Amino acid sequence: MGVNIVFDPKKIFDMLKNAGEMQKNMAEKLKNHQASGEAGGGMVKVVMNGHFELLSLILDPVLLGEDKSFIEDLIKAAINDASAQLRSNMADQIKSLTGGFGF
């Protein structure tokens, strides 16, 4: 009592073609998506796109008199904040795209 599975090459090709198109669409959406992050009560603000490229970095002038390592920590925290938002958004988009596939 085996199960007969018939592989239709055309269906497989269409599925792969659709996956490629979905990947292109997702990449374009991600590039256009932006997330901002901040740290130090807004003293450091960053904006990143969905490709995790830093688009802008804004430092409050008050920080310029602070310790270098303190400023670096705030910048890292702001970038991590924006990155977390992007990852969350990506997960939501992937869920919506793959919902029918049971992922």
PDB file of N, CA and C in Angstrom:
ATOM      1  N   MET A   1       0.819  -1.188   0.000  1.00  0.00           N
ATOM      2  CA  MET A   1       0.000   0.000   0.000  1.00  0.00           C
ATOM      3  C   MET A   1       0.860   1.246   0.000  1.00  0.00           C
ATOM      4  N   GLY A   2       1.486   1.501  -1.068  1.00  0.00           N
ATOM      5  CA  GLY A   2       2.290   2.709  -1.191  1.00  0.00           C
ATOM      6  C   GLY A   2       1.444   3.880  -1.664  1.00  0.00           C
ATOM      7  N   VAL A   3       1.971   5.042  -1.448  1.00  0.00           N
ATOM      8  CA  VAL A   3       1.309   6.255  -1.894  1.00  0.00           C
ATOM      9  C   VAL A   3       1.966   6.685  -3.188  1.00  0.00           C
ATOM     10  N   ASN A   4       1.156   6.865  -4.196  1.00  0.00           N
ATOM     11  CA  ASN A   4       1.674   7.321  -5.483  1.00  0.00           C
ATOM     12  C   ASN A   4       1.738   8.841  -5.481  1.00  0.00           C
ATOM     13  N   ILE A   5       2.916   9.350  -5.646  1.00  0.00           N
ATOM     14  CA  ILE A   5       3.102  10.795  -5.721  1.00  0.00           C
ATOM     15  C   ILE A   5       3.557  11.111  -7.133  1.00  0.00           C
ATOM     16  N   VAL A   6       2.801  11.953  -7.794  1.00  0.00           N
ATOM     17  CA  VAL A   6       3.128  12.325  -9.161  1.00  0.00           C
ATOM     18  C   VAL A   6       3.718  13.722  -9.148  1.00  0.00           C
ATOM     19  N   PHE A   7       4.910  13.836  -9.641  1.00  0.00           N
ATOM     20  CA  PHE A   7       5.574  15.132  -9.722  1.00  0.00           C
ATOM     21  C   PHE A   7       5.323  15.730 -11.097  1.00  0.00           C
ATOM     22  N   ASP A   8       4.665  16.842 -11.096  1.00  0.00           N
ATOM     23  CA  ASP A   8       4.399  17.547 -12.345  1.00  0.00           C
ATOM     24  C   ASP A   8       5.471  18.616 -12.502  1.00  0.00           C
ATOM     25  N   PRO A   9       6.401  18.443 -13.454  1.00  0.00           N
ATOM     26  CA  PRO A   9       7.493  19.412 -13.614  1.00  0.00           C
ATOM     27  C   PRO A   9       6.997  20.844 -13.833  1.00  0.00           C
ATOM     28  N   LYS A  10       5.887  21.006 -14.549  1.00  0.00           N
ATOM     29  CA  LYS A  10       5.358  22.347 -14.797  1.00  0.00           C
ATOM     30  C   LYS A  10       4.913  22.994 -13.484  1.00  0.00           C
ATOM     31  N   LYS A  11       4.249  22.230 -12.628  1.00  0.00           N
ATOM     32  CA  LYS A  11       3.812  22.775 -11.334  1.00  0.00           C
ATOM     33  C   LYS A  11       5.015  23.149 -10.468  1.00  0.00           C
ATOM     34  N   ILE A  12       6.039  22.321 -10.494  1.00  0.00           N
ATOM     35  CA  ILE A  12       7.246  22.611  -9.719  1.00  0.00           C
ATOM     36  C   ILE A  12       7.916  23.868 -10.261  1.00  0.00           C
ATOM     37  N   PHE A  13       8.004  23.980 -11.597  1.00  0.00           N
ATOM     38  CA  PHE A  13       8.598  25.171 -12.213  1.00  0.00           C
ATOM     39  C   PHE A  13       7.799  26.422 -11.832  1.00  0.00           C
ATOM     40  N   ASP A  14       6.467  26.331 -11.936  1.00  0.00           N
ATOM     41  CA  ASP A  14       5.615  27.487 -11.581  1.00  0.00           C
ATOM     42  C   ASP A  14       5.801  27.873 -10.122  1.00  0.00           C
ATOM     43  N   MET A  15       5.898  26.882  -9.256  1.00  0.00           N
ATOM     44  CA  MET A  15       6.081  27.148  -7.833  1.00  0.00           C
ATOM     45  C   MET A  15       7.427  27.848  -7.590  1.00  0.00           C
ATOM     46  N   LEU A  16       8.472  27.370  -8.246  1.00  0.00           N
ATOM     47  CA  LEU A  16       9.790  27.992  -8.095  1.00  0.00           C
ATOM     48  C   LEU A  16       9.810  29.396  -8.679  1.00  0.00           C
ATOM     49  N   LYS A  17       9.132  29.589  -9.796  1.00  0.00           N
ATOM     50  CA  LYS A  17       9.050  30.907 -10.420  1.00  0.00           C
ATOM     51  C   LYS A  17       8.344  31.876  -9.475  1.00  0.00           C
ATOM     52  N   ASN A  18       7.242  31.436  -8.884  1.00  0.00           N
ATOM     53  CA  ASN A  18       6.510  32.274  -7.934  1.00  0.00           C
ATOM     54  C   ASN A  18       7.356  32.587  -6.707  1.00  0.00           C
ATOM     55  N   ALA A  19       8.133  31.619  -6.263  1.00  0.00           N
ATOM     56  CA  ALA A  19       8.998  31.853  -5.092  1.00  0.00           C
ATOM     57  C   ALA A  19      10.038  32.920  -5.414  1.00  0.00           C
ATOM     58  N   GLY A  20      10.589  32.874  -6.621  1.00  0.00           N
ATOM     59  CA  GLY A  20      11.565  33.886  -7.030  1.00  0.00           C
ATOM     60  C   GLY A  20      10.945  35.261  -7.099  1.00  0.00           C
ATOM     61  N   GLU A  21       9.738  35.342  -7.628  1.00  0.00           N
ATOM     62  CA  GLU A  21       9.042  36.621  -7.703  1.00  0.00           C
ATOM     63  C   GLU A  21       8.711  37.138  -6.307  1.00  0.00           C
ATOM     64  N   MET A  22       8.288  36.235  -5.419  1.00  0.00           N
ATOM     65  CA  MET A  22       7.994  36.631  -4.042  1.00  0.00           C
ATOM     66  C   MET A  22       9.257  37.162  -3.370  1.00  0.00           C
ATOM     67  N   GLN A  23      10.391  36.525  -3.634  1.00  0.00           N
ATOM     68  CA  GLN A  23      11.652  36.962  -3.041  1.00  0.00           C
ATOM     69  C   GLN A  23      12.019  38.356  -3.542  1.00  0.00           C
ATOM     70  N   LYS A  24      11.853  38.612  -4.843  1.00  0.00           N
ATOM     71  CA  LYS A  24      12.141  39.941  -5.392  1.00  0.00           C
ATOM     72  C   LYS A  24      11.235  40.992  -4.770  1.00  0.00           C
ATOM     73  N   ASN A  25       9.946  40.682  -4.686  1.00  0.00           N
ATOM     74  CA  ASN A  25       8.995  41.620  -4.093  1.00  0.00           C
ATOM     75  C   ASN A  25       9.341  41.904  -2.644  1.00  0.00           C
ATOM     76  N   MET A  26       9.708  40.877  -1.902  1.00  0.00           N
ATOM     77  CA  MET A  26      10.057  41.043  -0.494  1.00  0.00           C
ATOM     78  C   MET A  26      11.310  41.901  -0.364  1.00  0.00           C
ATOM     79  N   ALA A  27      12.303  41.666  -1.210  1.00  0.00           N
ATOM     80  CA  ALA A  27      13.541  42.445  -1.152  1.00  0.00           C
ATOM     81  C   ALA A  27      13.260  43.915  -1.428  1.00  0.00           C
ATOM     82  N   GLU A  28      12.384  44.192  -2.385  1.00  0.00           N
ATOM     83  CA  GLU A  28      12.040  45.586  -2.703  1.00  0.00           C
ATOM     84  C   GLU A  28      11.288  46.236  -1.553  1.00  0.00           C
ATOM     85  N   LYS A  29      10.345  45.496  -0.975  1.00  0.00           N
ATOM     86  CA  LYS A  29       9.599  46.024   0.173  1.00  0.00           C
ATOM     87  C   LYS A  29      10.541  46.324   1.331  1.00  0.00           C
ATOM     88  N   LEU A  30      11.473  45.420   1.579  1.00  0.00           N
ATOM     89  CA  LEU A  30      12.399  45.607   2.691  1.00  0.00           C
ATOM     90  C   LEU A  30      13.288  46.816   2.468  1.00  0.00           C
ATOM     91  N   LYS A  31      13.737  47.007   1.243  1.00  0.00           N
ATOM     92  CA  LYS A  31      14.603  48.146   0.970  1.00  0.00           C
ATOM     93  C   LYS A  31      13.858  49.454   1.215  1.00  0.00           C
ATOM     94  N   ASN A  32      12.573  49.469   0.908  1.00  0.00           N
ATOM     95  CA  ASN A  32      11.774  50.676   1.090  1.00  0.00           C
ATOM     96  C   ASN A  32      11.263  50.845   2.522  1.00  0.00           C
ATOM     97  N   HIS A  33      11.270  49.777   3.292  1.00  0.00           N
ATOM     98  CA  HIS A  33      10.795  49.858   4.678  1.00  0.00           C
ATOM     99  C   HIS A  33      11.868  50.523   5.543  1.00  0.00           C
ATOM    100  N   GLN A  34      11.426  51.340   6.466  1.00  0.00           N
ATOM    101  CA  GLN A  34      12.364  51.996   7.375  1.00  0.00           C
ATOM    102  C   GLN A  34      11.911  51.801   8.812  1.00  0.00           C
ATOM    103  N   ALA A  35      12.886  51.750   9.688  1.00  0.00           N
ATOM    104  CA  ALA A  35      12.613  51.677  11.121  1.00  0.00           C
ATOM    105  C   ALA A  35      13.557  52.635  11.825  1.00  0.00           C
ATOM    106  N   SER A  36      13.053  53.264  12.856  1.00  0.00           N
ATOM    107  CA  SER A  36      13.913  54.163  13.625  1.00  0.00           C
ATOM    108  C   SER A  36      14.123  53.576  15.008  1.00  0.00           C
ATOM    109  N   GLY A  37      15.261  53.889  15.561  1.00  0.00           N
ATOM    110  CA  GLY A  37      15.589  53.457  16.908  1.00  0.00           C
ATOM    111  C   GLY A  37      16.197  54.624  17.652  1.00  0.00           C
ATOM    112  N   GLU A  38      16.081  54.569  18.958  1.00  0.00           N
ATOM    113  CA  GLU A  38      16.686  55.639  19.741  1.00  0.00           C
ATOM    114  C   GLU A  38      17.182  55.096  21.071  1.00  0.00           C
ATOM    115  N   ALA A  39      18.033  55.900  21.694  1.00  0.00           N
ATOM    116  CA  ALA A  39      18.594  55.542  22.991  1.00  0.00           C
ATOM    117  C   ALA A  39      18.887  56.832  23.748  1.00  0.00           C
ATOM    118  N   GLY A  40      19.073  56.679  25.044  1.00  0.00           N
ATOM    119  CA  GLY A  40      19.394  57.830  25.878  1.00  0.00           C
ATOM    120  C   GLY A  40      18.273  58.854  25.911  1.00  0.00           C
ATOM    121  N   GLY A  41      17.040  58.367  25.921  1.00  0.00           N
ATOM    122  CA  GLY A  41      15.904  59.272  25.954  1.00  0.00           C
ATOM    123  C   GLY A  41      15.804  60.135  24.708  1.00  0.00           C
ATOM    124  N   GLY A  42      16.244  59.595  23.567  1.00  0.00           N
ATOM    125  CA  GLY A  42      16.165  60.324  22.307  1.00  0.00           C
ATOM    126  C   GLY A  42      17.410  61.132  21.987  1.00  0.00           C
ATOM    127  N   MET A  43      18.449  60.994  22.810  1.00  0.00           N
ATOM    128  CA  MET A  43      19.685  61.735  22.534  1.00  0.00           C
ATOM    129  C   MET A  43      20.410  61.176  21.312  1.00  0.00           C
ATOM    130  N   VAL A  44      20.163  59.902  21.004  1.00  0.00           N
ATOM    131  CA  VAL A  44      20.708  59.277  19.803  1.00  0.00           C
ATOM    132  C   VAL A  44      19.542  58.675  19.037  1.00  0.00           C
ATOM    133  N   LYS A  45      19.433  59.027  17.756  1.00  0.00           N
ATOM    134  CA  LYS A  45      18.372  58.503  16.901  1.00  0.00           C
ATOM    135  C   LYS A  45      18.991  57.979  15.615  1.00  0.00           C
ATOM    136  N   VAL A  46      18.499  56.822  15.178  1.00  0.00           N
ATOM    137  CA  VAL A  46      18.964  56.243  13.923  1.00  0.00           C
ATOM    138  C   VAL A  46      17.766  55.832  13.085  1.00  0.00           C
ATOM    139  N   VAL A  47      17.979  55.782  11.779  1.00  0.00           N
ATOM    140  CA  VAL A  47      16.994  55.247  10.854  1.00  0.00           C
ATOM    141  C   VAL A  47      17.719  54.239   9.979  1.00  0.00           C
ATOM    142  N   MET A  48      17.111  53.046   9.845  1.00  0.00           N
ATOM    143  CA  MET A  48      17.678  51.977   9.030  1.00  0.00           C
ATOM    144  C   MET A  48      16.631  51.512   8.034  1.00  0.00           C
ATOM    145  N   ASN A  49      17.098  50.978   6.889  1.00  0.00           N
ATOM    146  CA  ASN A  49      16.152  50.370   5.962  1.00  0.00           C
ATOM    147  C   ASN A  49      16.098  48.867   6.227  1.00  0.00           C
ATOM    148  N   GLY A  50      15.218  48.192   5.495  1.00  0.00           N
ATOM    149  CA  GLY A  50      15.016  46.758   5.689  1.00  0.00           C
ATOM    150  C   GLY A  50      16.191  45.895   5.301  1.00  0.00           C
ATOM    151  N   HIS A  51      17.209  46.476   4.701  1.00  0.00           N
ATOM    152  CA  HIS A  51      18.435  45.741   4.401  1.00  0.00           C
ATOM    153  C   HIS A  51      19.468  45.974   5.496  1.00  0.00           C
ATOM    154  N   PHE A  52      19.016  46.560   6.605  1.00  0.00           N
ATOM    155  CA  PHE A  52      19.854  46.858   7.769  1.00  0.00           C
ATOM    156  C   PHE A  52      20.974  47.840   7.432  1.00  0.00           C
ATOM    157  N   GLU A  53      20.701  48.730   6.482  1.00  0.00           N
ATOM    158  CA  GLU A  53      21.640  49.797   6.152  1.00  0.00           C
ATOM    159  C   GLU A  53      21.265  51.020   6.979  1.00  0.00           C
ATOM    160  N   LEU A  54      22.262  51.647   7.572  1.00  0.00           N
ATOM    161  CA  LEU A  54      22.032  52.843   8.368  1.00  0.00           C
ATOM    162  C   LEU A  54      21.814  54.020   7.437  1.00  0.00           C
ATOM    163  N   LEU A  55      20.637  54.639   7.521  1.00  0.00           N
ATOM    164  CA  LEU A  55      20.301  55.759   6.644  1.00  0.00           C
ATOM    165  C   LEU A  55      20.601  57.096   7.296  1.00  0.00           C
ATOM    166  N   SER A  56      20.401  57.179   8.605  1.00  0.00           N
ATOM    167  CA  SER A  56      20.719  58.433   9.287  1.00  0.00           C
ATOM    168  C   SER A  56      21.083  58.169  10.746  1.00  0.00           C
ATOM    169  N   LEU A  57      21.883  59.066  11.268  1.00  0.00           N
ATOM    170  CA  LEU A  57      22.318  59.034  12.662  1.00  0.00           C
ATOM    171  C   LEU A  57      22.263  60.472  13.164  1.00  0.00           C
ATOM    172  N   ILE A  58      21.493  60.680  14.210  1.00  0.00           N
ATOM    173  CA  ILE A  58      21.350  62.023  14.773  1.00  0.00           C
ATOM    174  C   ILE A  58      21.788  61.977  16.230  1.00  0.00           C
ATOM    175  N   LEU A  59      22.740  62.853  16.569  1.00  0.00           N
ATOM    176  CA  LEU A  59      23.227  62.963  17.941  1.00  0.00           C
ATOM    177  C   LEU A  59      22.802  64.305  18.510  1.00  0.00           C
ATOM    178  N   ASP A  60      22.261  64.271  19.717  1.00  0.00           N
ATOM    179  CA  ASP A  60      21.939  65.512  20.415  1.00  0.00           C
ATOM    180  C   ASP A  60      23.267  66.210  20.722  1.00  0.00           C
ATOM    181  N   PRO A  61      23.384  67.503  20.423  1.00  0.00           N
ATOM    182  CA  PRO A  61      24.640  68.222  20.670  1.00  0.00           C
ATOM    183  C   PRO A  61      25.125  68.127  22.119  1.00  0.00           C
ATOM    184  N   VAL A  62      24.221  67.895  23.051  1.00  0.00           N
ATOM    185  CA  VAL A  62      24.600  67.751  24.462  1.00  0.00           C
ATOM    186  C   VAL A  62      25.576  66.586  24.645  1.00  0.00           C
ATOM    187  N   LEU A  63      25.445  65.560  23.804  1.00  0.00           N
ATOM    188  CA  LEU A  63      26.303  64.375  23.914  1.00  0.00           C
ATOM    189  C   LEU A  63      27.763  64.665  23.588  1.00  0.00           C
ATOM    190  N   LEU A  64      28.017  65.688  22.823  1.00  0.00           N
ATOM    191  CA  LEU A  64      29.382  65.929  22.361  1.00  0.00           C
ATOM    192  C   LEU A  64      30.353  66.204  23.499  1.00  0.00           C
ATOM    193  N   GLY A  65      29.845  66.589  24.643  1.00  0.00           N
ATOM    194  CA  GLY A  65      30.708  66.803  25.803  1.00  0.00           C
ATOM    195  C   GLY A  65      30.841  65.561  26.668  1.00  0.00           C
ATOM    196  N   GLU A  66      30.187  64.475  26.265  1.00  0.00           N
ATOM    197  CA  GLU A  66      30.199  63.233  27.059  1.00  0.00           C
ATOM    198  C   GLU A  66      31.400  62.351  26.720  1.00  0.00           C
ATOM    199  N   ASP A  67      31.574  61.344  27.540  1.00  0.00           N
ATOM    200  CA  ASP A  67      32.619  60.336  27.357  1.00  0.00           C
ATOM    201  C   ASP A  67      32.381  59.568  26.050  1.00  0.00           C
ATOM    202  N   LYS A  68      33.439  59.333  25.310  1.00  0.00           N
ATOM    203  CA  LYS A  68      33.363  58.637  24.018  1.00  0.00           C
ATOM    204  C   LYS A  68      32.680  57.270  24.142  1.00  0.00           C
ATOM    205  N   SER A  69      33.031  56.491  25.149  1.00  0.00           N
ATOM    206  CA  SER A  69      32.451  55.144  25.278  1.00  0.00           C
ATOM    207  C   SER A  69      30.956  55.215  25.593  1.00  0.00           C
ATOM    208  N   PHE A  70      30.531  56.250  26.320  1.00  0.00           N
ATOM    209  CA  PHE A  70      29.107  56.451  26.614  1.00  0.00           C
ATOM    210  C   PHE A  70      28.345  56.711  25.311  1.00  0.00           C
ATOM    211  N   ILE A  71      28.898  57.562  24.465  1.00  0.00           N
ATOM    212  CA  ILE A  71      28.263  57.875  23.178  1.00  0.00           C
ATOM    213  C   ILE A  71      28.208  56.622  22.303  1.00  0.00           C
ATOM    214  N   GLU A  72      29.291  55.868  22.262  1.00  0.00           N
ATOM    215  CA  GLU A  72      29.326  54.643  21.463  1.00  0.00           C
ATOM    216  C   GLU A  72      28.268  53.656  21.930  1.00  0.00           C
ATOM    217  N   ASP A  73      28.106  53.522  23.250  1.00  0.00           N
ATOM    218  CA  ASP A  73      27.089  52.614  23.793  1.00  0.00           C
ATOM    219  C   ASP A  73      25.680  53.055  23.394  1.00  0.00           C
ATOM    220  N   LEU A  74      25.437  54.357  23.419  1.00  0.00           N
ATOM    221  CA  LEU A  74      24.121  54.856  23.021  1.00  0.00           C
ATOM    222  C   LEU A  74      23.863  54.609  21.532  1.00  0.00           C
ATOM    223  N   ILE A  75      24.879  54.795  20.716  1.00  0.00           N
ATOM    224  CA  ILE A  75      24.719  54.550  19.279  1.00  0.00           C
ATOM    225  C   ILE A  75      24.402  53.075  19.035  1.00  0.00           C
ATOM    226  N   LYS A  76      25.146  52.191  19.694  1.00  0.00           N
ATOM    227  CA  LYS A  76      24.879  50.758  19.542  1.00  0.00           C
ATOM    228  C   LYS A  76      23.461  50.422  19.984  1.00  0.00           C
ATOM    229  N   ALA A  77      23.025  50.987  21.089  1.00  0.00           N
ATOM    230  CA  ALA A  77      21.677  50.706  21.603  1.00  0.00           C
ATOM    231  C   ALA A  77      20.605  51.186  20.625  1.00  0.00           C
ATOM    232  N   ALA A  78      20.804  52.350  20.023  1.00  0.00           N
ATOM    233  CA  ALA A  78      19.837  52.877  19.055  1.00  0.00           C
ATOM    234  C   ALA A  78      19.775  51.991  17.810  1.00  0.00           C
ATOM    235  N   ILE A  79      20.931  51.543  17.344  1.00  0.00           N
ATOM    236  CA  ILE A  79      20.969  50.654  16.175  1.00  0.00           C
ATOM    237  C   ILE A  79      20.308  49.324  16.503  1.00  0.00           C
ATOM    238  N   ASN A  80      20.569  48.794  17.676  1.00  0.00           N
ATOM    239  CA  ASN A  80      19.943  47.533  18.082  1.00  0.00           C
ATOM    240  C   ASN A  80      18.429  47.682  18.196  1.00  0.00           C
ATOM    241  N   ASP A  81      17.962  48.841  18.654  1.00  0.00           N
ATOM    242  CA  ASP A  81      16.534  49.108  18.749  1.00  0.00           C
ATOM    243  C   ASP A  81      15.894  49.082  17.364  1.00  0.00           C
ATOM    244  N   ALA A  82      16.490  49.779  16.402  1.00  0.00           N
ATOM    245  CA  ALA A  82      15.964  49.786  15.039  1.00  0.00           C
ATOM    246  C   ALA A  82      16.040  48.392  14.417  1.00  0.00           C
ATOM    247  N   SER A  83      17.125  47.658  14.669  1.00  0.00           N
ATOM    248  CA  SER A  83      17.279  46.304  14.127  1.00  0.00           C
ATOM    249  C   SER A  83      16.199  45.373  14.660  1.00  0.00           C
ATOM    250  N   ALA A  84      15.887  45.476  15.935  1.00  0.00           N
ATOM    251  CA  ALA A  84      14.838  44.639  16.527  1.00  0.00           C
ATOM    252  C   ALA A  84      13.493  44.929  15.880  1.00  0.00           C
ATOM    253  N   GLN A  85      13.224  46.191  15.607  1.00  0.00           N
ATOM    254  CA  GLN A  85      11.972  46.538  14.933  1.00  0.00           C
ATOM    255  C   GLN A  85      11.927  45.958  13.528  1.00  0.00           C
ATOM    256  N   LEU A  86      13.034  46.025  12.815  1.00  0.00           N
ATOM    257  CA  LEU A  86      13.086  45.466  11.467  1.00  0.00           C
ATOM    258  C   LEU A  86      12.891  43.952  11.487  1.00  0.00           C
ATOM    259  N   ARG A  87      13.557  43.253  12.416  1.00  0.00           N
ATOM    260  CA  ARG A  87      13.407  41.791  12.510  1.00  0.00           C
ATOM    261  C   ARG A  87      11.962  41.414  12.802  1.00  0.00           C
ATOM    262  N   SER A  88      11.323  42.151  13.690  1.00  0.00           N
ATOM    263  CA  SER A  88       9.932  41.878  14.034  1.00  0.00           C
ATOM    264  C   SER A  88       9.035  42.086  12.816  1.00  0.00           C
ATOM    265  N   ASN A  89       9.274  43.169  12.095  1.00  0.00           N
ATOM    266  CA  ASN A  89       8.481  43.449  10.908  1.00  0.00           C
ATOM    267  C   ASN A  89       8.691  42.379   9.847  1.00  0.00           C
ATOM    268  N   MET A  90       9.944  41.930   9.662  1.00  0.00           N
ATOM    269  CA  MET A  90      10.233  40.875   8.693  1.00  0.00           C
ATOM    270  C   MET A  90       9.502  39.589   9.060  1.00  0.00           C
ATOM    271  N   ALA A  91       9.526  39.252  10.337  1.00  0.00           N
ATOM    272  CA  ALA A  91       8.856  38.030  10.786  1.00  0.00           C
ATOM    273  C   ALA A  91       7.369  38.109  10.489  1.00  0.00           C
ATOM    274  N   ASP A  92       6.766  39.258  10.718  1.00  0.00           N
ATOM    275  CA  ASP A  92       5.342  39.438  10.423  1.00  0.00           C
ATOM    276  C   ASP A  92       5.071  39.288   8.932  1.00  0.00           C
ATOM    277  N   GLN A  93       5.932  39.880   8.094  1.00  0.00           N
ATOM    278  CA  GLN A  93       5.741  39.779   6.646  1.00  0.00           C
ATOM    279  C   GLN A  93       5.919  38.352   6.160  1.00  0.00           C
ATOM    280  N   ILE A  94       6.906  37.661   6.698  1.00  0.00           N
ATOM    281  CA  ILE A  94       7.133  36.264   6.287  1.00  0.00           C
ATOM    282  C   ILE A  94       5.956  35.393   6.705  1.00  0.00           C
ATOM    283  N   LYS A  95       5.426  35.636   7.904  1.00  0.00           N
ATOM    284  CA  LYS A  95       4.255  34.884   8.352  1.00  0.00           C
ATOM    285  C   LYS A  95       3.085  35.092   7.404  1.00  0.00           C
ATOM    286  N   SER A  96       2.868  36.331   6.986  1.00  0.00           N
ATOM    287  CA  SER A  96       1.746  36.607   6.098  1.00  0.00           C
ATOM    288  C   SER A  96       1.961  35.967   4.726  1.00  0.00           C
ATOM    289  N   LEU A  97       3.212  35.895   4.267  1.00  0.00           N
ATOM    290  CA  LEU A  97       3.488  35.288   2.965  1.00  0.00           C
ATOM    291  C   LEU A  97       3.424  33.760   3.004  1.00  0.00           C
ATOM    292  N   THR A  98       3.849  33.188   4.125  1.00  0.00           N
ATOM    293  CA  THR A  98       3.934  31.720   4.189  1.00  0.00           C
ATOM    294  C   THR A  98       2.818  31.099   5.006  1.00  0.00           C
ATOM    295  N   GLY A  99       1.846  31.886   5.402  1.00  0.00           N
ATOM    296  CA  GLY A  99       0.759  31.380   6.232  1.00  0.00           C
ATOM    297  C   GLY A  99       0.106  30.138   5.687  1.00  0.00           C
ATOM    298  N   GLY A 100      -0.085  30.077   4.396  1.00  0.00           N
ATOM    299  CA  GLY A 100      -0.719  28.928   3.781  1.00  0.00           C
ATOM    300  C   GLY A 100       0.170  27.709   3.690  1.00  0.00           C
ATOM    301  N   PHE A 101       1.461  27.875   3.940  1.00  0.00           N
ATOM    302  CA  PHE A 101       2.398  26.754   3.827  1.00  0.00           C
ATOM    303  C   PHE A 101       2.647  26.069   5.164  1.00  0.00           C
ATOM    304  N   GLY A 102       2.108  26.605   6.237  1.00  0.00           N
ATOM    305  CA  GLY A 102       2.267  25.974   7.545  1.00  0.00           C
ATOM    306  C   GLY A 102       3.610  26.197   8.188  1.00  0.00           C
ATOM    307  N   PHE A 103       4.357  27.255   7.802  1.00  0.00           N
ATOM    308  CA  PHE A 103       5.645  27.549   8.417  1.00  0.00           C
ATOM    309  C   PHE A 103       5.434  28.255   9.720  1.00  0.00           C
TER     310      PHE A 103
END
